[in-house]
C-alpha atoms as a PDB file:
ATOM      1  CA  UNK A   1     103.169  24.897  63.296  1.00  0.00           C
ATOM      2  CA  UNK A   2     101.473  22.183  60.953  1.00  0.00           C
ATOM      3  CA  UNK A   3      97.613  22.857  59.414  1.00  0.00           C
ATOM      4  CA  UNK A   4      96.940  20.372  56.775  1.00  0.00           C
ATOM      5  CA  UNK A   5      99.582  20.111  54.630  1.00  0.00           C
ATOM      6  CA  UNK A   6     101.027  23.561  55.189  1.00  0.00           C
ATOM      7  CA  UNK A   7     104.020  24.827  57.426  1.00  0.00           C
ATOM      8  CA  UNK A   8     104.534  28.101  59.229  1.00  0.00           C
ATOM      9  CA  UNK A   9     107.677  29.217  60.637  1.00  0.00           C
ATOM     10  CA  UNK A  10     107.973  32.224  62.756  1.00  0.00           C
ATOM     11  CA  UNK A  11     110.714  34.851  63.214  1.00  0.00           C
ATOM     12  CA  UNK A  12     111.448  37.360  65.362  1.00  0.00           C
ATOM     13  CA  UNK A  13     113.535  40.464  63.984  1.00  0.00           C
ATOM     14  CA  UNK A  14     114.429  43.950  65.175  1.00  0.00           C
ATOM     15  CA  UNK A  15     113.724  46.450  62.317  1.00  0.00           C
ATOM     16  CA  UNK A  16     114.148  50.017  63.542  1.00  0.00           C
ATOM     17  CA  UNK A  17     114.540  49.390  67.084  1.00  0.00           C
ATOM     18  CA  UNK A  18     110.943  47.401  66.799  1.00  0.00           C
ATOM     19  CA  UNK A  19     110.328  43.813  67.578  1.00  0.00           C
ATOM     20  CA  UNK A  20     108.521  42.605  64.324  1.00  0.00           C
ATOM     21  CA  UNK A  21     107.423  39.028  63.742  1.00  0.00           C
ATOM     22  CA  UNK A  22     107.271  37.940  60.530  1.00  0.00           C
ATOM     23  CA  UNK A  23     105.578  34.259  59.532  1.00  0.00           C
ATOM     24  CA  UNK A  24     106.189  32.335  56.226  1.00  0.00           C
ATOM     25  CA  UNK A  25     103.514  29.473  55.550  1.00  0.00           C
ATOM     26  CA  UNK A  26     104.502  26.737  52.603  1.00  0.00           C
ATOM     27  CA  UNK A  27     103.380  23.915  52.181  1.00  0.00           C
ATOM     28  CA  UNK A  28     105.320  20.852  53.267  1.00  0.00           C
ATOM     29  CA  UNK A  29     107.946  19.285  51.605  1.00  0.00           C
ATOM     30  CA  UNK A  30     106.974  16.877  48.742  1.00  0.00           C
ATOM     31  CA  UNK A  31     103.635  18.298  47.989  1.00  0.00           C
ATOM     32  CA  UNK A  32     104.589  19.955  44.885  1.00  0.00           C
ATOM     33  CA  UNK A  33     104.434  23.660  44.471  1.00  0.00           C
ATOM     34  CA  UNK A  34     103.254  26.372  47.277  1.00  0.00           C
ATOM     35  CA  UNK A  35     100.120  27.937  47.450  1.00  0.00           C
ATOM     36  CA  UNK A  36      99.229  31.644  46.834  1.00  0.00           C
ATOM     37  CA  UNK A  37      98.211  31.928  50.534  1.00  0.00           C
ATOM     38  CA  UNK A  38      98.202  34.921  52.998  1.00  0.00           C
ATOM     39  CA  UNK A  39      98.649  35.174  56.366  1.00  0.00           C
ATOM     40  CA  UNK A  40      95.347  36.779  56.858  1.00  0.00           C
ATOM     41  CA  UNK A  41      93.481  33.793  54.482  1.00  0.00           C
ATOM     42  CA  UNK A  42      95.373  31.093  56.430  1.00  0.00           C
ATOM     43  CA  UNK A  43      93.952  32.236  60.072  1.00  0.00           C
ATOM     44  CA  UNK A  44      90.224  32.469  58.776  1.00  0.00           C
ATOM     45  CA  UNK A  45      90.675  28.990  57.570  1.00  0.00           C
ATOM     46  CA  UNK A  46      91.877  28.067  60.901  1.00  0.00           C
ATOM     47  CA  UNK A  47      89.300  29.873  62.384  1.00  0.00           C
ATOM     48  CA  UNK A  48      86.343  29.033  60.470  1.00  0.00           C
ATOM     49  CA  UNK A  49      87.688  25.120  58.996  1.00  0.00           C
ATOM     50  CA  UNK A  50      88.339  23.896  56.097  1.00  0.00           C
ATOM     51  CA  UNK A  51      85.690  25.550  53.833  1.00  0.00           C
ATOM     52  CA  UNK A  52      87.995  28.301  51.945  1.00  0.00           C
ATOM     53  CA  UNK A  53      85.436  30.994  50.075  1.00  0.00           C
ATOM     54  CA  UNK A  54      87.581  32.388  46.951  1.00  0.00           C
END
């Protein structure tokens, strides 16, 4: 998935016999240092638009 200058990669794994999905979010290559961003704030931004409350 791509969102502004951010890419996210979701991988599925098994831990203790249970399926887990891990999503890694980072800036696209060539855009500098990756921001400190959580999945929750990423999804909130995706839902509410680009206006991020600090």
